[in-house]
Amino acid sequence: MVRFTVLASGSKGNSTVVSGGCTRILVDAGLSCRELFRRMRLAGEEPETLDAIVITHEHSDHVGGLAVTARKLGIPVYFTEGTHRAWMRWLTPRRQMTYAQWLEQCRKQAAERQAEADASQFDAEGEPDESDLVADCEPAAPALAQIVAAESLPEAAEPEPGPATPIPQKDPTWLPAVEYFQAGQPFEIGDIAISPFTIPHDAADPVGFVFRTEGVRIAFATDLGYIPPNVKAQLKGVDLLLLESNHDLEMLRDGPYPWSVKQRVLSRVGHLSNEAAAAFLEDEYDGQAAYVILAHLSQSNNLPELARVTAERALNGRASLLANRLLLAAQHEALPPIYF
C-alpha cells in the first residue's frame, strides 16, 4: 500500500511523508521535531517507523526541524552536496572578530592558563605583569590569520570523551548519517525509487522529486519560479501531482512585502503563482494524476479560494481532466492521508 501525507505546506514550514512497501520517507523537515511528531501521530503515521529524510533545499521552512528530528530517530538524511554545505553554513555562520576583541580574548586565555598553573612555577615577585601576558599570547601575523580562519570553520567531529577529556559543545550540524544524491541521477531508499530533478529557485542546489513505489508515481514540485522543460517532463505520467500555487499576482503586488521581496517572489527563481500553475494545468499537464494537490500557498499573498478557483478553471476547461481530484495543502494542519 502506498500512502502520501502532507503534514504542512507553506512559508512557515513544509513536510510530507511518503510510504511504500516497508519504507517510510520524510520529505523536508520544516517544522519543529515535536510538531512533526504530533502531526504524524494525528495523521496515523508513526515517527519511529521513518527510514530516512530527504531534503529539497536548505531554506529554513524546509529544514528548521531537521537536525533534532534526525538525531531523535537516528536516521540518515539525503541531500545534494550543495544543499548540505549550504545548510551547514546556515547553522555555523562566520564569526568575525576585531583586533581589540582578539586581544581581549588573548588576555583572558593567558589569565586562565596562569590561574591553573602551579604557584611554584612563579618567582617570589609574583605573577608577570599584563604586558608580559599579552606579549606571550600575541602571535605573528600568519598565526593571527590562522586563528581568524579557524574561528570561521565549523567545529570538527566530537572526540570520544575519556576520563581526562572535557565533553565538547555539540556540533549543531551533526547528523546520524548523511547521504548525497545528484539531480538527474535516480537512487533508491528501501522500497521507494526516487528521481530528483533540478528546479529554478534561489537556493544552492534545489530539487523536486518523483517517487515510485508499488507501481505508483508521485511528483513533488514546489519552490520554483517557473516550470522549465525538464520539470514539465518529470510531471508527466504521475498518479499524484503536488504543485506549488504560492501567490495571487494582484495580492502580491498590493501586499505588505517590501518591493525587493516582491521582486524575488516574482522572479524566475522565486515562487509559482496561481496563474502560472493554472497555465501549466491547462496547457502542459497530461491529466494522468488521480490527485492534484496545490501546495506552498502564501498566507500573506494568497487565499485558498483564489488558488482553488484558478486551478479549477484550468482543469474544467479540459473535459478529459474532470476525474482529477483537486486538493489544497495547508500550513496549520495535515491533509488526510491519500492511499493507492
C-alpha atoms as a PDB file:
ATOM      1  CA  MET A   1       0.000   0.000   0.000  1.00  0.00           C
ATOM      2  CA  VAL A   2       1.203   3.481  -0.896  1.00  0.00           C
ATOM      3  CA  ARG A   3       0.400   6.422   1.367  1.00  0.00           C
ATOM      4  CA  PHE A   4       1.082  10.139   0.911  1.00  0.00           C
ATOM      5  CA  THR A   5       0.566  12.554   3.820  1.00  0.00           C
ATOM      6  CA  VAL A   6       1.224  16.295   3.616  1.00  0.00           C
ATOM      7  CA  LEU A   7       1.944  17.346   7.221  1.00  0.00           C
ATOM      8  CA  ALA A   8       2.446  21.055   6.448  1.00  0.00           C
ATOM      9  CA  SER A   9       2.928  23.259   3.411  1.00  0.00           C
ATOM     10  CA  GLY A  10       3.592  26.986   3.382  1.00  0.00           C
ATOM     11  CA  SER A  11       6.139  29.667   4.180  1.00  0.00           C
ATOM     12  CA  LYS A  12       6.300  28.674   7.874  1.00  0.00           C
ATOM     13  CA  GLY A  13       7.152  25.023   7.405  1.00  0.00           C
ATOM     14  CA  ASN A  14       6.969  22.144   4.919  1.00  0.00           C
ATOM     15  CA  SER A  15       6.975  18.416   5.498  1.00  0.00           C
ATOM     16  CA  THR A  16       5.453  15.336   3.850  1.00  0.00           C
ATOM     17  CA  VAL A  17       5.545  11.583   4.463  1.00  0.00           C
ATOM     18  CA  VAL A  18       5.791   9.150   1.536  1.00  0.00           C
ATOM     19  CA  SER A  19       5.204   5.478   2.387  1.00  0.00           C
ATOM     20  CA  GLY A  20       5.504   2.453   0.121  1.00  0.00           C
ATOM     21  CA  GLY A  21       6.143  -1.201   0.869  1.00  0.00           C
ATOM     22  CA  CYS A  22       8.156  -1.335   4.091  1.00  0.00           C
ATOM     23  CA  THR A  23       9.736   2.110   3.610  1.00  0.00           C
ATOM     24  CA  ARG A  24       8.746   5.455   5.118  1.00  0.00           C
ATOM     25  CA  ILE A  25      10.414   8.691   3.975  1.00  0.00           C
ATOM     26  CA  LEU A  26      10.046  12.215   5.353  1.00  0.00           C
ATOM     27  CA  VAL A  27      10.358  14.852   2.636  1.00  0.00           C
ATOM     28  CA  ASP A  28      11.723  18.020   4.283  1.00  0.00           C
ATOM     29  CA  ALA A  29      11.546  18.820   7.990  1.00  0.00           C
ATOM     30  CA  GLY A  30      10.419  22.409   8.186  1.00  0.00           C
ATOM     31  CA  LEU A  31       8.516  22.063  11.477  1.00  0.00           C
ATOM     32  CA  SER A  32       9.957  21.508  14.938  1.00  0.00           C
ATOM     33  CA  CYS A  33      10.568  17.893  15.874  1.00  0.00           C
ATOM     34  CA  ARG A  34       7.765  17.999  18.447  1.00  0.00           C
ATOM     35  CA  GLU A  35       5.262  19.436  15.968  1.00  0.00           C
ATOM     36  CA  LEU A  36       6.284  16.963  13.277  1.00  0.00           C
ATOM     37  CA  PHE A  37       5.733  14.047  15.632  1.00  0.00           C
ATOM     38  CA  ARG A  38       2.404  15.470  16.802  1.00  0.00           C
ATOM     39  CA  ARG A  39       1.074  15.880  13.274  1.00  0.00           C
ATOM     40  CA  MET A  40       2.333  12.484  12.189  1.00  0.00           C
ATOM     41  CA  ARG A  41       0.531  10.742  15.022  1.00  0.00           C
ATOM     42  CA  LEU A  42      -2.679  12.684  14.344  1.00  0.00           C
ATOM     43  CA  ALA A  43      -2.464  11.510  10.727  1.00  0.00           C
ATOM     44  CA  GLY A  44      -1.876   7.894  11.721  1.00  0.00           C
ATOM     45  CA  GLU A  45       1.853   7.946  10.920  1.00  0.00           C
ATOM     46  CA  GLU A  46       4.325   6.654  13.498  1.00  0.00           C
ATOM     47  CA  PRO A  47       7.529   8.738  13.607  1.00  0.00           C
ATOM     48  CA  GLU A  48       9.550   5.755  14.812  1.00  0.00           C
ATOM     49  CA  THR A  49       8.881   3.941  11.517  1.00  0.00           C
ATOM     50  CA  LEU A  50      10.615   6.595   9.390  1.00  0.00           C
ATOM     51  CA  ASP A  51      13.621   5.255   7.488  1.00  0.00           C
ATOM     52  CA  ALA A  52      15.146   8.460   6.111  1.00  0.00           C
ATOM     53  CA  ILE A  53      14.719  12.177   5.475  1.00  0.00           C
ATOM     54  CA  VAL A  54      15.202  13.677   2.007  1.00  0.00           C
ATOM     55  CA  ILE A  55      15.701  17.429   1.566  1.00  0.00           C
ATOM     56  CA  THR A  56      14.654  19.602  -1.378  1.00  0.00           C
ATOM     57  CA  HIS A  57      16.753  22.659  -0.411  1.00  0.00           C
ATOM     58  CA  GLU A  58      18.239  24.459   2.593  1.00  0.00           C
ATOM     59  CA  HIS A  59      15.720  27.253   3.266  1.00  0.00           C
ATOM     60  CA  SER A  60      14.576  27.314   6.882  1.00  0.00           C
ATOM     61  CA  ASP A  61      10.938  26.447   6.134  1.00  0.00           C
ATOM     62  CA  HIS A  62      12.212  23.111   4.801  1.00  0.00           C
ATOM     63  CA  VAL A  63      14.975  22.262   7.309  1.00  0.00           C
ATOM     64  CA  GLY A  64      14.014  24.034  10.553  1.00  0.00           C
ATOM     65  CA  GLY A  65      13.489  20.789  12.491  1.00  0.00           C
ATOM     66  CA  LEU A  66      15.904  18.627  10.532  1.00  0.00           C
ATOM     67  CA  ALA A  67      18.803  18.142  12.950  1.00  0.00           C
ATOM     68  CA  VAL A  68      16.706  17.389  16.038  1.00  0.00           C
ATOM     69  CA  THR A  69      14.384  15.040  14.138  1.00  0.00           C
ATOM     70  CA  ALA A  70      17.220  13.076  12.532  1.00  0.00           C
ATOM     71  CA  ARG A  71      19.084  12.754  15.835  1.00  0.00           C
ATOM     72  CA  LYS A  72      15.963  11.760  17.727  1.00  0.00           C
ATOM     73  CA  LEU A  73      15.185   8.964  15.270  1.00  0.00           C
ATOM     74  CA  GLY A  74      18.788   8.077  14.389  1.00  0.00           C
ATOM     75  CA  ILE A  75      18.046   8.030  10.648  1.00  0.00           C
ATOM     76  CA  PRO A  76      20.063   9.200   7.623  1.00  0.00           C
ATOM     77  CA  VAL A  77      19.474  12.461   5.788  1.00  0.00           C
ATOM     78  CA  TYR A  78      19.732  12.654   1.992  1.00  0.00           C
ATOM     79  CA  PHE A  79      20.914  15.937   0.435  1.00  0.00           C
ATOM     80  CA  THR A  80      22.617  17.138  -2.663  1.00  0.00           C
ATOM     81  CA  GLU A  81      26.161  18.063  -1.665  1.00  0.00           C
ATOM     82  CA  GLY A  82      25.493  21.748  -2.383  1.00  0.00           C
ATOM     83  CA  THR A  83      22.405  21.758  -0.175  1.00  0.00           C
ATOM     84  CA  HIS A  84      24.257  20.048   2.669  1.00  0.00           C
ATOM     85  CA  ARG A  85      27.078  22.579   2.539  1.00  0.00           C
ATOM     86  CA  ALA A  86      24.614  25.484   2.476  1.00  0.00           C
ATOM     87  CA  TRP A  87      22.719  24.012   5.441  1.00  0.00           C
ATOM     88  CA  MET A  88      25.954  23.684   7.407  1.00  0.00           C
ATOM     89  CA  ARG A  89      26.891  27.294   6.666  1.00  0.00           C
ATOM     90  CA  TRP A  90      23.437  28.404   7.816  1.00  0.00           C
ATOM     91  CA  LEU A  91      23.907  26.641  11.165  1.00  0.00           C
ATOM     92  CA  THR A  92      27.510  27.783  11.647  1.00  0.00           C
ATOM     93  CA  PRO A  93      27.718  31.375  10.377  1.00  0.00           C
ATOM     94  CA  ARG A  94      31.125  33.036  10.078  1.00  0.00           C
ATOM     95  CA  ARG A  95      32.255  34.750  13.260  1.00  0.00           C
ATOM     96  CA  GLN A  96      34.215  37.933  12.692  1.00  0.00           C
ATOM     97  CA  MET A  97      36.478  39.340  15.403  1.00  0.00           C
ATOM     98  CA  THR A  98      38.106  42.757  15.656  1.00  0.00           C
ATOM     99  CA  TYR A  99      41.722  43.072  16.757  1.00  0.00           C
ATOM    100  CA  ALA A 100      40.616  44.558  20.093  1.00  0.00           C
ATOM    101  CA  GLN A 101      38.287  41.599  20.698  1.00  0.00           C
ATOM    102  CA  TRP A 102      41.038  39.170  19.783  1.00  0.00           C
ATOM    103  CA  LEU A 103      43.476  40.946  22.117  1.00  0.00           C
ATOM    104  CA  GLU A 104      40.972  40.763  24.968  1.00  0.00           C
ATOM    105  CA  GLN A 105      40.468  37.067  24.269  1.00  0.00           C
ATOM    106  CA  CYS A 106      44.233  36.576  24.460  1.00  0.00           C
ATOM    107  CA  ARG A 107      44.335  38.308  27.848  1.00  0.00           C
ATOM    108  CA  LYS A 108      41.569  36.107  29.197  1.00  0.00           C
ATOM    109  CA  GLN A 109      43.166  32.937  27.881  1.00  0.00           C
ATOM    110  CA  ALA A 110      46.534  33.892  29.353  1.00  0.00           C
ATOM    111  CA  ALA A 111      44.932  34.688  32.712  1.00  0.00           C
ATOM    112  CA  GLU A 112      43.133  31.340  32.746  1.00  0.00           C
ATOM    113  CA  ARG A 113      46.337  29.447  31.972  1.00  0.00           C
ATOM    114  CA  GLN A 114      48.147  31.381  34.670  1.00  0.00           C
ATOM    115  CA  ALA A 115      45.457  30.631  37.265  1.00  0.00           C
ATOM    116  CA  GLU A 116      45.667  26.919  36.509  1.00  0.00           C
ATOM    117  CA  ALA A 117      49.477  26.790  36.675  1.00  0.00           C
ATOM    118  CA  ASP A 118      51.283  25.609  39.757  1.00  0.00           C
ATOM    119  CA  ALA A 119      52.177  28.559  42.005  1.00  0.00           C
ATOM    120  CA  SER A 120      55.643  27.139  42.442  1.00  0.00           C
ATOM    121  CA  GLN A 121      56.429  27.937  38.814  1.00  0.00           C
ATOM    122  CA  PHE A 122      56.331  31.665  39.585  1.00  0.00           C
ATOM    123  CA  ASP A 123      59.108  33.545  41.342  1.00  0.00           C
ATOM    124  CA  ALA A 124      58.751  35.313  44.646  1.00  0.00           C
ATOM    125  CA  GLU A 125      57.927  38.606  42.985  1.00  0.00           C
ATOM    126  CA  GLY A 126      54.536  37.262  41.920  1.00  0.00           C
ATOM    127  CA  GLU A 127      52.826  36.983  38.569  1.00  0.00           C
ATOM    128  CA  PRO A 128      54.140  38.635  35.398  1.00  0.00           C
ATOM    129  CA  ASP A 129      52.520  41.926  34.530  1.00  0.00           C
ATOM    130  CA  GLU A 130      49.804  42.266  31.933  1.00  0.00           C
ATOM    131  CA  SER A 131      52.142  43.398  29.151  1.00  0.00           C
ATOM    132  CA  ASP A 132      54.119  40.167  29.501  1.00  0.00           C
ATOM    133  CA  LEU A 133      50.943  38.119  29.254  1.00  0.00           C
ATOM    134  CA  VAL A 134      49.829  39.889  26.083  1.00  0.00           C
ATOM    135  CA  ALA A 135      53.271  39.521  24.531  1.00  0.00           C
ATOM    136  CA  ASP A 136      53.294  35.791  25.349  1.00  0.00           C
ATOM    137  CA  CYS A 137      49.971  35.132  23.634  1.00  0.00           C
ATOM    138  CA  GLU A 138      50.291  37.508  20.667  1.00  0.00           C
ATOM    139  CA  PRO A 139      51.174  35.505  17.537  1.00  0.00           C
ATOM    140  CA  ALA A 140      52.785  36.777  14.381  1.00  0.00           C
ATOM    141  CA  ALA A 141      50.570  37.901  11.506  1.00  0.00           C
ATOM    142  CA  PRO A 142      50.388  34.454   9.805  1.00  0.00           C
ATOM    143  CA  ALA A 143      49.351  32.852  13.081  1.00  0.00           C
ATOM    144  CA  LEU A 144      46.717  35.530  13.604  1.00  0.00           C
ATOM    145  CA  ALA A 145      45.281  34.749  10.189  1.00  0.00           C
ATOM    146  CA  GLN A 146      45.116  31.082  11.130  1.00  0.00           C
ATOM    147  CA  ILE A 147      43.202  31.910  14.303  1.00  0.00           C
ATOM    148  CA  VAL A 148      40.666  34.053  12.444  1.00  0.00           C
ATOM    149  CA  ALA A 149      40.288  31.371   9.770  1.00  0.00           C
ATOM    150  CA  ALA A 150      39.799  28.672  12.389  1.00  0.00           C
ATOM    151  CA  GLU A 151      37.081  30.743  14.021  1.00  0.00           C
ATOM    152  CA  SER A 152      35.222  30.754  10.690  1.00  0.00           C
ATOM    153  CA  LEU A 153      35.172  26.973  10.214  1.00  0.00           C
ATOM    154  CA  PRO A 154      32.546  24.551  11.535  1.00  0.00           C
ATOM    155  CA  GLU A 155      33.577  22.614  14.582  1.00  0.00           C
ATOM    156  CA  ALA A 156      35.298  19.303  13.997  1.00  0.00           C
ATOM    157  CA  ALA A 157      33.677  15.994  14.838  1.00  0.00           C
ATOM    158  CA  GLU A 158      33.374  15.366  18.549  1.00  0.00           C
ATOM    159  CA  PRO A 159      36.161  13.263  20.096  1.00  0.00           C
ATOM    160  CA  GLU A 160      35.208  10.351  22.271  1.00  0.00           C
ATOM    161  CA  PRO A 161      35.256  11.751  25.826  1.00  0.00           C
ATOM    162  CA  GLY A 162      37.634   9.990  28.184  1.00  0.00           C
ATOM    163  CA  PRO A 163      38.401  10.283  31.900  1.00  0.00           C
ATOM    164  CA  ALA A 164      40.508  13.423  31.415  1.00  0.00           C
ATOM    165  CA  THR A 165      38.797  14.777  28.276  1.00  0.00           C
ATOM    166  CA  PRO A 166      36.204  17.543  28.678  1.00  0.00           C
ATOM    167  CA  ILE A 167      32.964  16.921  26.760  1.00  0.00           C
ATOM    168  CA  PRO A 168      32.881  19.462  23.889  1.00  0.00           C
ATOM    169  CA  GLN A 169      29.890  21.541  22.918  1.00  0.00           C
ATOM    170  CA  LYS A 170      27.665  19.625  20.493  1.00  0.00           C
ATOM    171  CA  ASP A 171      28.161  20.452  16.836  1.00  0.00           C
ATOM    172  CA  PRO A 172      24.821  21.827  15.548  1.00  0.00           C
ATOM    173  CA  THR A 173      25.480  20.249  12.128  1.00  0.00           C
ATOM    174  CA  TRP A 174      25.982  16.720  13.464  1.00  0.00           C
ATOM    175  CA  LEU A 175      23.654  14.133  11.926  1.00  0.00           C
ATOM    176  CA  PRO A 176      23.495  10.347  12.452  1.00  0.00           C
ATOM    177  CA  ALA A 177      24.330   9.783   8.766  1.00  0.00           C
ATOM    178  CA  VAL A 178      24.496  11.863   5.586  1.00  0.00           C
ATOM    179  CA  GLU A 179      23.942  10.510   2.068  1.00  0.00           C
ATOM    180  CA  TYR A 180      24.446  12.534  -1.106  1.00  0.00           C
ATOM    181  CA  PHE A 181      22.468  12.337  -4.322  1.00  0.00           C
ATOM    182  CA  GLN A 182      22.604  14.331  -7.554  1.00  0.00           C
ATOM    183  CA  ALA A 183      19.820  15.813  -9.630  1.00  0.00           C
ATOM    184  CA  GLY A 184      19.221  13.667 -12.690  1.00  0.00           C
ATOM    185  CA  GLN A 185      20.583  10.512 -11.056  1.00  0.00           C
ATOM    186  CA  PRO A 186      17.869   8.212  -9.623  1.00  0.00           C
ATOM    187  CA  PHE A 187      18.507   6.371  -6.366  1.00  0.00           C
ATOM    188  CA  GLU A 188      16.594   4.118  -4.001  1.00  0.00           C
ATOM    189  CA  ILE A 189      15.724   4.103  -0.324  1.00  0.00           C
ATOM    190  CA  GLY A 190      14.320   0.712   0.576  1.00  0.00           C
ATOM    191  CA  ASP A 191      11.195   0.055  -1.473  1.00  0.00           C
ATOM    192  CA  ILE A 192      10.970   3.596  -2.885  1.00  0.00           C
ATOM    193  CA  ALA A 193      12.774   4.693  -6.062  1.00  0.00           C
ATOM    194  CA  ILE A 194      13.487   8.441  -6.213  1.00  0.00           C
ATOM    195  CA  SER A 195      14.221  10.592  -9.256  1.00  0.00           C
ATOM    196  CA  PRO A 196      15.489  14.056  -8.223  1.00  0.00           C
ATOM    197  CA  PHE A 197      15.332  16.872 -10.756  1.00  0.00           C
ATOM    198  CA  THR A 198      16.659  20.436 -10.756  1.00  0.00           C
ATOM    199  CA  ILE A 199      14.173  23.248 -10.110  1.00  0.00           C
ATOM    200  CA  PRO A 200      14.665  27.028 -10.564  1.00  0.00           C
ATOM    201  CA  HIS A 201      14.797  28.545  -7.080  1.00  0.00           C
ATOM    202  CA  ASP A 202      17.175  30.851  -5.195  1.00  0.00           C
ATOM    203  CA  ALA A 203      18.875  28.110  -3.202  1.00  0.00           C
ATOM    204  CA  ALA A 204      22.223  26.338  -3.514  1.00  0.00           C
ATOM    205  CA  ASP A 205      21.047  23.226  -5.396  1.00  0.00           C
ATOM    206  CA  PRO A 206      17.238  22.898  -5.143  1.00  0.00           C
ATOM    207  CA  VAL A 207      15.422  19.801  -6.391  1.00  0.00           C
ATOM    208  CA  GLY A 208      11.996  18.314  -6.875  1.00  0.00           C
ATOM    209  CA  PHE A 209      11.269  14.591  -6.707  1.00  0.00           C
ATOM    210  CA  VAL A 210       9.369  11.827  -8.420  1.00  0.00           C
ATOM    211  CA  PHE A 211       8.779   8.902  -6.052  1.00  0.00           C
ATOM    212  CA  ARG A 212       7.960   5.473  -7.489  1.00  0.00           C
ATOM    213  CA  THR A 213       6.810   2.537  -5.397  1.00  0.00           C
ATOM    214  CA  GLU A 214       4.427  -0.382  -5.949  1.00  0.00           C
ATOM    215  CA  GLY A 215       3.675   0.898  -9.450  1.00  0.00           C
ATOM    216  CA  VAL A 216       2.597   4.359  -8.217  1.00  0.00           C
ATOM    217  CA  ARG A 217       4.375   7.567  -9.298  1.00  0.00           C
ATOM    218  CA  ILE A 218       4.215  10.703  -7.148  1.00  0.00           C
ATOM    219  CA  ALA A 219       5.625  14.055  -8.309  1.00  0.00           C
ATOM    220  CA  PHE A 220       6.735  16.727  -5.855  1.00  0.00           C
ATOM    221  CA  ALA A 221       7.406  20.209  -7.265  1.00  0.00           C
ATOM    222  CA  THR A 222       7.304  23.295  -5.037  1.00  0.00           C
ATOM    223  CA  ASP A 223       9.535  26.370  -4.630  1.00  0.00           C
ATOM    224  CA  LEU A 224      10.132  27.095  -8.301  1.00  0.00           C
ATOM    225  CA  GLY A 225       9.902  30.406 -10.096  1.00  0.00           C
ATOM    226  CA  TYR A 226       8.664  28.877 -13.357  1.00  0.00           C
ATOM    227  CA  ILE A 227       8.250  25.416 -14.898  1.00  0.00           C
ATOM    228  CA  PRO A 228      11.125  24.730 -17.309  1.00  0.00           C
ATOM    229  CA  PRO A 229      11.078  21.866 -19.845  1.00  0.00           C
ATOM    230  CA  ASN A 230      12.966  19.429 -17.592  1.00  0.00           C
ATOM    231  CA  VAL A 231      10.337  19.843 -14.851  1.00  0.00           C
ATOM    232  CA  LYS A 232       7.439  19.507 -17.313  1.00  0.00           C
ATOM    233  CA  ALA A 233       8.923  16.208 -18.478  1.00  0.00           C
ATOM    234  CA  GLN A 234       9.124  14.914 -14.908  1.00  0.00           C
ATOM    235  CA  LEU A 235       5.468  15.794 -14.187  1.00  0.00           C
ATOM    236  CA  LYS A 236       4.084  13.547 -16.911  1.00  0.00           C
ATOM    237  CA  GLY A 237       2.525  10.149 -16.242  1.00  0.00           C
ATOM    238  CA  VAL A 238       2.206  10.575 -12.474  1.00  0.00           C
ATOM    239  CA  ASP A 239      -0.589   9.326 -10.212  1.00  0.00           C
ATOM    240  CA  LEU A 240      -0.305  12.234  -7.779  1.00  0.00           C
ATOM    241  CA  LEU A 241       0.956  15.729  -8.532  1.00  0.00           C
ATOM    242  CA  LEU A 242       1.914  18.118  -5.730  1.00  0.00           C
ATOM    243  CA  LEU A 243       2.429  21.513  -7.368  1.00  0.00           C
ATOM    244  CA  GLU A 244       3.175  24.945  -5.970  1.00  0.00           C
ATOM    245  CA  SER A 245       0.482  27.643  -6.189  1.00  0.00           C
ATOM    246  CA  ASN A 246       2.140  30.230  -3.989  1.00  0.00           C
ATOM    247  CA  HIS A 247       0.591  33.617  -4.644  1.00  0.00           C
ATOM    248  CA  ASP A 248      -2.041  35.639  -6.426  1.00  0.00           C
ATOM    249  CA  LEU A 249      -0.310  38.229  -8.600  1.00  0.00           C
ATOM    250  CA  GLU A 250      -2.546  41.145  -7.600  1.00  0.00           C
ATOM    251  CA  MET A 251      -2.402  40.304  -3.899  1.00  0.00           C
ATOM    252  CA  LEU A 252       1.380  40.103  -4.046  1.00  0.00           C
ATOM    253  CA  ARG A 253       1.758  43.415  -5.889  1.00  0.00           C
ATOM    254  CA  ASP A 254      -0.624  45.202  -3.482  1.00  0.00           C
ATOM    255  CA  GLY A 255       0.513  43.315  -0.395  1.00  0.00           C
ATOM    256  CA  PRO A 256       2.735  44.177   2.580  1.00  0.00           C
ATOM    257  CA  TYR A 257       6.062  42.764   1.354  1.00  0.00           C
ATOM    258  CA  PRO A 258       8.941  45.168   0.598  1.00  0.00           C
ATOM    259  CA  TRP A 259       9.492  45.701  -3.112  1.00  0.00           C
ATOM    260  CA  SER A 260      12.757  43.750  -3.011  1.00  0.00           C
ATOM    261  CA  VAL A 261      10.935  40.690  -1.629  1.00  0.00           C
ATOM    262  CA  LYS A 262       8.145  41.049  -4.184  1.00  0.00           C
ATOM    263  CA  GLN A 263      10.765  41.071  -6.944  1.00  0.00           C
ATOM    264  CA  ARG A 264      12.326  37.904  -5.512  1.00  0.00           C
ATOM    265  CA  VAL A 265       8.988  36.066  -5.348  1.00  0.00           C
ATOM    266  CA  LEU A 266       8.059  37.152  -8.894  1.00  0.00           C
ATOM    267  CA  SER A 267      11.457  36.240 -10.346  1.00  0.00           C
ATOM    268  CA  ARG A 268      12.327  33.083 -12.262  1.00  0.00           C
ATOM    269  CA  VAL A 269      13.981  31.724  -9.114  1.00  0.00           C
ATOM    270  CA  GLY A 270      11.124  32.685  -6.809  1.00  0.00           C
ATOM    271  CA  HIS A 271       7.721  31.037  -6.418  1.00  0.00           C
ATOM    272  CA  LEU A 272       4.991  29.850  -8.748  1.00  0.00           C
ATOM    273  CA  SER A 273       1.833  31.981  -8.893  1.00  0.00           C
ATOM    274  CA  ASN A 274      -1.743  30.719  -9.091  1.00  0.00           C
ATOM    275  CA  GLU A 275      -1.811  31.916 -12.685  1.00  0.00           C
ATOM    276  CA  ALA A 276       1.407  30.107 -13.631  1.00  0.00           C
ATOM    277  CA  ALA A 277       0.231  26.868 -12.013  1.00  0.00           C
ATOM    278  CA  ALA A 278      -3.091  27.150 -13.832  1.00  0.00           C
ATOM    279  CA  ALA A 279      -1.360  27.801 -17.151  1.00  0.00           C
ATOM    280  CA  PHE A 280       0.606  24.578 -16.712  1.00  0.00           C
ATOM    281  CA  LEU A 281      -2.536  22.618 -15.804  1.00  0.00           C
ATOM    282  CA  GLU A 282      -4.368  23.986 -18.837  1.00  0.00           C
ATOM    283  CA  ASP A 283      -1.659  23.782 -21.486  1.00  0.00           C
ATOM    284  CA  GLU A 284       1.018  21.272 -20.444  1.00  0.00           C
ATOM    285  CA  TYR A 285      -0.404  18.860 -17.879  1.00  0.00           C
ATOM    286  CA  ASP A 286      -1.250  15.414 -19.283  1.00  0.00           C
ATOM    287  CA  GLY A 287      -4.153  14.796 -16.888  1.00  0.00           C
ATOM    288  CA  GLN A 288      -2.940  11.396 -15.669  1.00  0.00           C
ATOM    289  CA  ALA A 289      -2.933  12.117 -11.920  1.00  0.00           C
ATOM    290  CA  ALA A 290      -5.823  10.979  -9.750  1.00  0.00           C
ATOM    291  CA  TYR A 291      -4.925  13.762  -7.313  1.00  0.00           C
ATOM    292  CA  VAL A 292      -3.598  17.272  -7.876  1.00  0.00           C
ATOM    293  CA  ILE A 293      -2.502  18.998  -4.655  1.00  0.00           C
ATOM    294  CA  LEU A 294      -1.862  22.746  -4.647  1.00  0.00           C
ATOM    295  CA  ALA A 295       0.927  23.497  -2.174  1.00  0.00           C
ATOM    296  CA  HIS A 296       3.047  26.205  -0.553  1.00  0.00           C
ATOM    297  CA  LEU A 297       0.241  28.791  -0.513  1.00  0.00           C
ATOM    298  CA  SER A 298       1.332  32.166   0.859  1.00  0.00           C
ATOM    299  CA  GLN A 299      -0.585  33.338   3.909  1.00  0.00           C
ATOM    300  CA  SER A 300       0.044  36.995   3.030  1.00  0.00           C
ATOM    301  CA  ASN A 301      -0.379  36.950  -0.737  1.00  0.00           C
ATOM    302  CA  ASN A 302      -2.925  34.249  -1.480  1.00  0.00           C
ATOM    303  CA  LEU A 303      -6.272  32.817  -0.447  1.00  0.00           C
ATOM    304  CA  PRO A 304      -7.174  29.114  -0.669  1.00  0.00           C
ATOM    305  CA  GLU A 305     -10.362  30.054  -2.536  1.00  0.00           C
ATOM    306  CA  LEU A 306      -8.387  32.005  -5.150  1.00  0.00           C
ATOM    307  CA  ALA A 307      -5.890  29.180  -5.684  1.00  0.00           C
ATOM    308  CA  ARG A 308      -8.685  26.610  -5.974  1.00  0.00           C
ATOM    309  CA  VAL A 309     -10.852  28.641  -8.374  1.00  0.00           C
ATOM    310  CA  THR A 310      -7.894  29.462 -10.627  1.00  0.00           C
ATOM    311  CA  ALA A 311      -6.828  25.799 -10.837  1.00  0.00           C
ATOM    312  CA  GLU A 312     -10.390  24.507 -11.244  1.00  0.00           C
ATOM    313  CA  ARG A 313     -10.986  26.895 -14.119  1.00  0.00           C
ATOM    314  CA  ALA A 314      -7.914  25.493 -15.872  1.00  0.00           C
ATOM    315  CA  LEU A 315      -8.928  21.877 -15.269  1.00  0.00           C
ATOM    316  CA  ASN A 316     -12.591  22.388 -16.142  1.00  0.00           C
ATOM    317  CA  GLY A 317     -11.578  23.815 -19.479  1.00  0.00           C
ATOM    318  CA  ARG A 318     -10.403  20.338 -20.430  1.00  0.00           C
ATOM    319  CA  ALA A 319     -13.171  17.744 -20.208  1.00  0.00           C
ATOM    320  CA  SER A 320     -10.649  14.892 -20.071  1.00  0.00           C
ATOM    321  CA  LEU A 321      -9.333  16.163 -16.728  1.00  0.00           C
ATOM    322  CA  LEU A 322     -12.596  16.206 -14.778  1.00  0.00           C
ATOM    323  CA  ALA A 323     -11.642  12.985 -12.990  1.00  0.00           C
ATOM    324  CA  ASN A 324      -8.706  14.729 -11.314  1.00  0.00           C
ATOM    325  CA  ARG A 325      -9.406  15.418  -7.661  1.00  0.00           C
ATOM    326  CA  LEU A 326      -8.103  18.845  -6.584  1.00  0.00           C
ATOM    327  CA  LEU A 327      -6.871  19.305  -3.002  1.00  0.00           C
ATOM    328  CA  LEU A 328      -5.179  22.161  -1.144  1.00  0.00           C
ATOM    329  CA  ALA A 329      -2.328  21.569   1.296  1.00  0.00           C
ATOM    330  CA  ALA A 330      -2.453  23.708   4.446  1.00  0.00           C
ATOM    331  CA  GLN A 331       0.082  25.310   6.749  1.00  0.00           C
ATOM    332  CA  HIS A 332      -1.515  24.651  10.130  1.00  0.00           C
ATOM    333  CA  GLU A 333      -2.886  21.117   9.742  1.00  0.00           C
ATOM    334  CA  ALA A 334      -2.096  17.922   7.884  1.00  0.00           C
ATOM    335  CA  LEU A 335      -4.079  16.728   4.911  1.00  0.00           C
ATOM    336  CA  PRO A 336      -5.813  13.359   5.397  1.00  0.00           C
ATOM    337  CA  PRO A 337      -3.543  10.606   4.036  1.00  0.00           C
ATOM    338  CA  ILE A 338      -4.001   9.654   0.381  1.00  0.00           C
ATOM    339  CA  TYR A 339      -3.888   5.919  -0.344  1.00  0.00           C
ATOM    340  CA  PHE A 340      -3.167   3.975  -3.511  1.00  0.00           C
END
